[in-house]
C-alpha atoms as a PDB file:
ATOM      1  CA  MET A   1      30.990  65.802 -31.049  1.00  0.00           C
ATOM      2  CA  PRO A   2      33.736  64.551 -33.328  1.00  0.00           C
ATOM      3  CA  ALA A   3      34.806  62.018 -30.704  1.00  0.00           C
ATOM      4  CA  ALA A   4      31.264  60.706 -30.658  1.00  0.00           C
ATOM      5  CA  TRP A   5      31.452  60.071 -34.412  1.00  0.00           C
ATOM      6  CA  VAL A   6      34.867  58.408 -34.142  1.00  0.00           C
ATOM      7  CA  PHE A   7      33.473  56.124 -31.499  1.00  0.00           C
ATOM      8  CA  CYS A   8      30.338  55.235 -33.501  1.00  0.00           C
ATOM      9  CA  PHE A   9      32.496  54.622 -36.586  1.00  0.00           C
ATOM     10  CA  ALA A  10      34.762  52.416 -34.551  1.00  0.00           C
ATOM     11  CA  VAL A  11      31.804  50.366 -33.127  1.00  0.00           C
ATOM     12  CA  LEU A  12      30.547  49.880 -36.660  1.00  0.00           C
ATOM     13  CA  LEU A  13      33.820  48.768 -37.853  1.00  0.00           C
ATOM     14  CA  VAL A  14      34.161  46.172 -35.186  1.00  0.00           C
ATOM     15  CA  ALA A  15      30.569  45.076 -35.290  1.00  0.00           C
ATOM     16  CA  GLY A  16      30.143  45.483 -39.049  1.00  0.00           C
ATOM     17  CA  PRO A  17      30.684  41.871 -40.132  1.00  0.00           C
ATOM     18  CA  GLY A  18      28.441  40.727 -37.283  1.00  0.00           C
ATOM     19  CA  LEU A  19      25.797  43.162 -38.225  1.00  0.00           C
ATOM     20  CA  ALA A  20      25.941  42.124 -41.858  1.00  0.00           C
ATOM     21  CA  ALA A  21      25.671  38.459 -40.835  1.00  0.00           C
ATOM     22  CA  GLN A  22      22.586  39.317 -38.640  1.00  0.00           C
ATOM     23  CA  THR A  23      21.050  41.319 -41.571  1.00  0.00           C
ATOM     24  CA  ALA A  24      21.715  38.407 -43.894  1.00  0.00           C
ATOM     25  CA  ARG A  25      20.144  35.918 -41.361  1.00  0.00           C
ATOM     26  CA  ALA A  26      17.112  38.196 -40.974  1.00  0.00           C
ATOM     27  CA  ALA A  27      16.631  38.418 -44.632  1.00  0.00           C
ATOM     28  CA  GLU A  28      16.966  34.721 -44.980  1.00  0.00           C
ATOM     29  CA  TYR A  29      14.233  34.052 -42.422  1.00  0.00           C
ATOM     30  CA  GLN A  30      12.024  36.657 -43.962  1.00  0.00           C
ATOM     31  CA  VAL A  31      12.185  34.570 -47.245  1.00  0.00           C
ATOM     32  CA  LYS A  32      11.569  31.364 -45.251  1.00  0.00           C
ATOM     33  CA  ALA A  33       8.489  33.012 -43.529  1.00  0.00           C
ATOM     34  CA  VAL A  34       7.044  33.873 -46.942  1.00  0.00           C
ATOM     35  CA  PHE A  35       7.699  30.292 -48.124  1.00  0.00           C
ATOM     36  CA  LEU A  36       5.841  28.833 -45.114  1.00  0.00           C
ATOM     37  CA  PHE A  37       2.915  31.078 -45.726  1.00  0.00           C
ATOM     38  CA  ASN A  38       2.837  30.211 -49.432  1.00  0.00           C
ATOM     39  CA  PHE A  39       3.034  26.500 -48.748  1.00  0.00           C
ATOM     40  CA  ALA A  40      -0.548  26.596 -47.593  1.00  0.00           C
ATOM     41  CA  GLN A  41      -1.553  27.406 -51.235  1.00  0.00           C
ATOM     42  CA  PHE A  42       0.298  24.480 -52.657  1.00  0.00           C
ATOM     43  CA  VAL A  43      -0.642  21.667 -50.200  1.00  0.00           C
ATOM     44  CA  ASP A  44      -3.944  19.843 -49.923  1.00  0.00           C
ATOM     45  CA  TRP A  45      -4.916  18.435 -46.610  1.00  0.00           C
ATOM     46  CA  PRO A  46      -7.127  15.367 -46.186  1.00  0.00           C
ATOM     47  CA  ALA A  47     -10.849  15.885 -46.357  1.00  0.00           C
ATOM     48  CA  GLU A  48     -11.337  14.909 -42.612  1.00  0.00           C
ATOM     49  CA  ALA A  49      -8.921  17.777 -41.598  1.00  0.00           C
ATOM     50  CA  PRO A  50     -10.979  20.772 -40.459  1.00  0.00           C
ATOM     51  CA  ALA A  51     -11.418  23.160 -43.444  1.00  0.00           C
ATOM     52  CA  ASP A  52     -14.314  25.483 -42.933  1.00  0.00           C
ATOM     53  CA  ALA A  53     -13.955  29.207 -43.265  1.00  0.00           C
ATOM     54  CA  ASP A  54     -13.821  29.594 -39.510  1.00  0.00           C
ATOM     55  CA  THR A  55     -10.979  27.223 -39.021  1.00  0.00           C
ATOM     56  CA  THR A  56      -7.627  28.931 -38.548  1.00  0.00           C
ATOM     57  CA  LEU A  57      -4.691  27.722 -40.559  1.00  0.00           C
ATOM     58  CA  VAL A  58      -1.930  27.253 -37.935  1.00  0.00           C
ATOM     59  CA  ILE A  59       1.723  27.632 -38.804  1.00  0.00           C
ATOM     60  CA  GLY A  60       3.784  26.268 -35.915  1.00  0.00           C
ATOM     61  CA  VAL A  61       7.310  26.688 -34.859  1.00  0.00           C
ATOM     62  CA  LEU A  62       8.837  23.853 -32.772  1.00  0.00           C
ATOM     63  CA  GLY A  63      11.835  24.841 -30.633  1.00  0.00           C
ATOM     64  CA  ASP A  64      13.866  28.003 -30.786  1.00  0.00           C
ATOM     65  CA  ASP A  65      12.128  30.620 -33.085  1.00  0.00           C
ATOM     66  CA  PRO A  66      14.544  31.905 -35.692  1.00  0.00           C
ATOM     67  CA  PHE A  67      11.857  34.108 -37.219  1.00  0.00           C
ATOM     68  CA  GLY A  68      11.238  36.551 -34.414  1.00  0.00           C
ATOM     69  CA  GLY A  69       8.199  38.561 -35.360  1.00  0.00           C
ATOM     70  CA  VAL A  70       8.691  38.204 -39.084  1.00  0.00           C
ATOM     71  CA  LEU A  71       6.500  35.132 -39.454  1.00  0.00           C
ATOM     72  CA  ASP A  72       3.671  36.806 -37.520  1.00  0.00           C
ATOM     73  CA  GLN A  73       4.001  39.928 -39.678  1.00  0.00           C
ATOM     74  CA  THR A  74       3.959  37.825 -42.862  1.00  0.00           C
ATOM     75  CA  VAL A  75       0.664  36.193 -42.053  1.00  0.00           C
ATOM     76  CA  ARG A  76      -1.028  39.161 -40.361  1.00  0.00           C
ATOM     77  CA  ASP A  77      -4.424  39.844 -41.938  1.00  0.00           C
ATOM     78  CA  GLU A  78      -3.886  37.181 -44.546  1.00  0.00           C
ATOM     79  CA  ARG A  79      -6.486  34.575 -45.497  1.00  0.00           C
ATOM     80  CA  LEU A  80      -6.685  31.473 -47.637  1.00  0.00           C
ATOM     81  CA  ALA A  81     -10.184  30.558 -48.918  1.00  0.00           C
ATOM     82  CA  GLY A  82     -11.569  32.757 -46.215  1.00  0.00           C
ATOM     83  CA  ARG A  83      -9.476  31.127 -43.411  1.00  0.00           C
ATOM     84  CA  PRO A  84      -7.190  33.330 -41.273  1.00  0.00           C
ATOM     85  CA  PHE A  85      -3.632  32.332 -40.337  1.00  0.00           C
ATOM     86  CA  GLN A  86      -2.214  32.065 -36.945  1.00  0.00           C
ATOM     87  CA  VAL A  87       1.414  31.456 -35.754  1.00  0.00           C
ATOM     88  CA  ARG A  88       1.879  29.227 -32.652  1.00  0.00           C
ATOM     89  CA  ARG A  89       5.079  28.345 -30.893  1.00  0.00           C
ATOM     90  CA  TYR A  90       5.769  25.021 -29.223  1.00  0.00           C
ATOM     91  CA  GLN A  91       8.509  23.721 -27.019  1.00  0.00           C
ATOM     92  CA  SER A  92       7.481  20.127 -27.341  1.00  0.00           C
ATOM     93  CA  VAL A  93       5.574  17.916 -29.683  1.00  0.00           C
ATOM     94  CA  ASP A  94       3.037  17.219 -26.864  1.00  0.00           C
ATOM     95  CA  GLU A  95       1.855  20.790 -27.156  1.00  0.00           C
ATOM     96  CA  ILE A  96       0.810  20.430 -30.764  1.00  0.00           C
ATOM     97  CA  LYS A  97      -2.999  19.937 -31.046  1.00  0.00           C
ATOM     98  CA  ILE A  98      -3.996  21.763 -34.285  1.00  0.00           C
ATOM     99  CA  CYS A  99      -1.253  22.587 -36.685  1.00  0.00           C
ATOM    100  CA  HIS A 100      -1.159  22.524 -40.516  1.00  0.00           C
ATOM    101  CA  ILE A 101       2.493  23.600 -41.256  1.00  0.00           C
ATOM    102  CA  LEU A 102       5.192  23.007 -38.696  1.00  0.00           C
ATOM    103  CA  PHE A 103       8.674  24.443 -38.886  1.00  0.00           C
ATOM    104  CA  ILE A 104      11.045  22.441 -36.848  1.00  0.00           C
ATOM    105  CA  SER A 105      13.909  24.647 -35.805  1.00  0.00           C
ATOM    106  CA  ARG A 106      17.480  23.676 -35.909  1.00  0.00           C
ATOM    107  CA  SER A 107      17.504  23.423 -32.066  1.00  0.00           C
ATOM    108  CA  GLU A 108      15.365  20.367 -32.589  1.00  0.00           C
ATOM    109  CA  GLY A 109      16.836  19.310 -35.916  1.00  0.00           C
ATOM    110  CA  GLY A 110      19.467  17.064 -34.459  1.00  0.00           C
ATOM    111  CA  ARG A 111      16.709  14.581 -33.481  1.00  0.00           C
ATOM    112  CA  PRO A 112      14.064  14.805 -36.174  1.00  0.00           C
ATOM    113  CA  GLU A 113      13.354  11.027 -36.217  1.00  0.00           C
ATOM    114  CA  GLY A 114      11.798  11.189 -32.675  1.00  0.00           C
ATOM    115  CA  ILE A 115       9.755  14.271 -33.446  1.00  0.00           C
ATOM    116  CA  LEU A 116       8.633  12.971 -36.906  1.00  0.00           C
ATOM    117  CA  ALA A 117       7.644   9.608 -35.378  1.00  0.00           C
ATOM    118  CA  ARG A 118       5.330  11.316 -32.955  1.00  0.00           C
ATOM    119  CA  LEU A 119       3.719  13.297 -35.751  1.00  0.00           C
ATOM    120  CA  LYS A 120       3.382  10.277 -38.109  1.00  0.00           C
ATOM    121  CA  HIS A 121       0.163   9.917 -39.834  1.00  0.00           C
ATOM    122  CA  ARG A 122      -0.916  13.393 -38.663  1.00  0.00           C
ATOM    123  CA  PRO A 123      -1.741  15.854 -41.534  1.00  0.00           C
ATOM    124  CA  ILE A 124       0.986  18.314 -40.605  1.00  0.00           C
ATOM    125  CA  LEU A 125       3.399  19.557 -43.252  1.00  0.00           C
ATOM    126  CA  THR A 126       6.815  19.281 -41.587  1.00  0.00           C
ATOM    127  CA  VAL A 127       9.501  21.779 -42.652  1.00  0.00           C
ATOM    128  CA  SER A 128      13.031  22.579 -41.379  1.00  0.00           C
ATOM    129  CA  ASP A 129      16.362  23.865 -42.490  1.00  0.00           C
ATOM    130  CA  ALA A 130      18.271  21.263 -40.462  1.00  0.00           C
ATOM    131  CA  ASP A 131      20.773  19.199 -42.303  1.00  0.00           C
ATOM    132  CA  GLY A 132      19.448  16.013 -43.820  1.00  0.00           C
ATOM    133  CA  PHE A 133      15.896  16.769 -42.740  1.00  0.00           C
ATOM    134  CA  ALA A 134      14.069  15.460 -45.822  1.00  0.00           C
ATOM    135  CA  GLU A 135      16.306  12.375 -45.993  1.00  0.00           C
ATOM    136  CA  ARG A 136      15.516  11.595 -42.413  1.00  0.00           C
ATOM    137  CA  GLY A 137      11.660  11.713 -42.870  1.00  0.00           C
ATOM    138  CA  GLY A 138      10.809  15.398 -42.938  1.00  0.00           C
ATOM    139  CA  MET A 139       8.625  16.663 -45.814  1.00  0.00           C
ATOM    140  CA  ILE A 140      10.328  19.898 -46.918  1.00  0.00           C
ATOM    141  CA  ARG A 141      13.828  21.173 -46.216  1.00  0.00           C
ATOM    142  CA  PHE A 142      15.097  24.628 -46.937  1.00  0.00           C
ATOM    143  CA  VAL A 143      18.645  24.533 -48.304  1.00  0.00           C
ATOM    144  CA  THR A 144      20.648  27.723 -48.617  1.00  0.00           C
ATOM    145  CA  ASP A 145      22.986  27.603 -51.521  1.00  0.00           C
ATOM    146  CA  ARG A 146      24.960  30.691 -52.632  1.00  0.00           C
ATOM    147  CA  SER A 147      22.426  33.030 -50.875  1.00  0.00           C
ATOM    148  CA  ARG A 148      19.565  31.398 -52.586  1.00  0.00           C
ATOM    149  CA  ILE A 149      16.957  29.222 -50.736  1.00  0.00           C
ATOM    150  CA  LYS A 150      16.093  25.917 -52.528  1.00  0.00           C
ATOM    151  CA  LEU A 151      13.598  23.259 -51.487  1.00  0.00           C
ATOM    152  CA  GLN A 152      14.070  19.535 -51.046  1.00  0.00           C
ATOM    153  CA  VAL A 153      10.872  17.532 -50.754  1.00  0.00           C
ATOM    154  CA  ASN A 154      10.275  14.072 -49.430  1.00  0.00           C
ATOM    155  CA  LEU A 155       7.133  12.991 -51.214  1.00  0.00           C
ATOM    156  CA  GLU A 156       6.902   9.570 -49.394  1.00  0.00           C
ATOM    157  CA  ALA A 157       6.646  11.547 -46.064  1.00  0.00           C
ATOM    158  CA  ALA A 158       3.980  13.831 -47.381  1.00  0.00           C
ATOM    159  CA  GLU A 159       2.036  10.967 -48.822  1.00  0.00           C
ATOM    160  CA  ALA A 160       2.244   9.045 -45.542  1.00  0.00           C
ATOM    161  CA  ALA A 161       0.558  11.956 -43.832  1.00  0.00           C
ATOM    162  CA  ASP A 162      -2.166  12.050 -46.561  1.00  0.00           C
ATOM    163  CA  LEU A 163      -0.926  15.423 -47.848  1.00  0.00           C
ATOM    164  CA  THR A 164      -0.784  16.184 -51.542  1.00  0.00           C
ATOM    165  CA  ILE A 165       1.821  18.733 -52.710  1.00  0.00           C
ATOM    166  CA  SER A 166       1.025  20.584 -55.843  1.00  0.00           C
ATOM    167  CA  SER A 167       3.083  19.901 -58.945  1.00  0.00           C
ATOM    168  CA  LYS A 168       3.657  23.710 -59.123  1.00  0.00           C
ATOM    169  CA  LEU A 169       5.719  23.415 -55.945  1.00  0.00           C
ATOM    170  CA  LEU A 170       7.355  20.193 -56.962  1.00  0.00           C
ATOM    171  CA  ARG A 171       8.655  21.712 -60.156  1.00  0.00           C
ATOM    172  CA  VAL A 172      10.905  24.065 -58.263  1.00  0.00           C
ATOM    173  CA  ALA A 173      12.044  21.470 -55.721  1.00  0.00           C
ATOM    174  CA  GLU A 174      14.527  18.635 -55.601  1.00  0.00           C
ATOM    175  CA  ILE A 175      12.697  15.297 -54.829  1.00  0.00           C
ATOM    176  CA  ILE A 176      14.515  13.460 -52.043  1.00  0.00           C
ATOM    177  CA  ALA A 177      14.190   9.788 -51.136  1.00  0.00           C
ATOM    178  CA  PRO A 178      14.472   8.846 -47.478  1.00  0.00           C
ATOM    179  CA  THR A 179      17.780   7.177 -46.440  1.00  0.00           C
ATOM    180  CA  GLY A 180      17.916   3.608 -45.658  1.00  0.00           C
ATOM    181  CA  ARG A 181      16.217   2.508 -48.900  1.00  0.00           C
END
């Protein structure tokens, strides 16, 4: 029995930093999942967007899903103005029919201009943690700074999609202007 404990301890010592990093990453995406869910309370969609009590609020993930089941757990049994939430995962922009909040994963973040151009003028709040996302035309970027998640918001991109972001959300965000201005 002591040999088994020594083996387990040795595995933990070797894997410890990796496990700590995995735990930190999981905690980071738990927080980001809560942010995505809460964005629905701080964004107004245009009147022509479906908004009756039977219409599901869709949070989509485009590309590799860094959330695992955390995002689904976060929105399970939640409602906003009587509307239920649903999480959908997409591998391409062509699959997106109805979506209110779209998280564009880092796997797609290297080419946001093409994705954002295809979503242009659709009332979809675009969110990512990819470098330079807000400057390149995305609406909200998660920035991790010293283990804290901060928000960058590109108001021009949101307004172009006819979305209104609440001043309550804007107070805690850094407003970003698109590059090339």
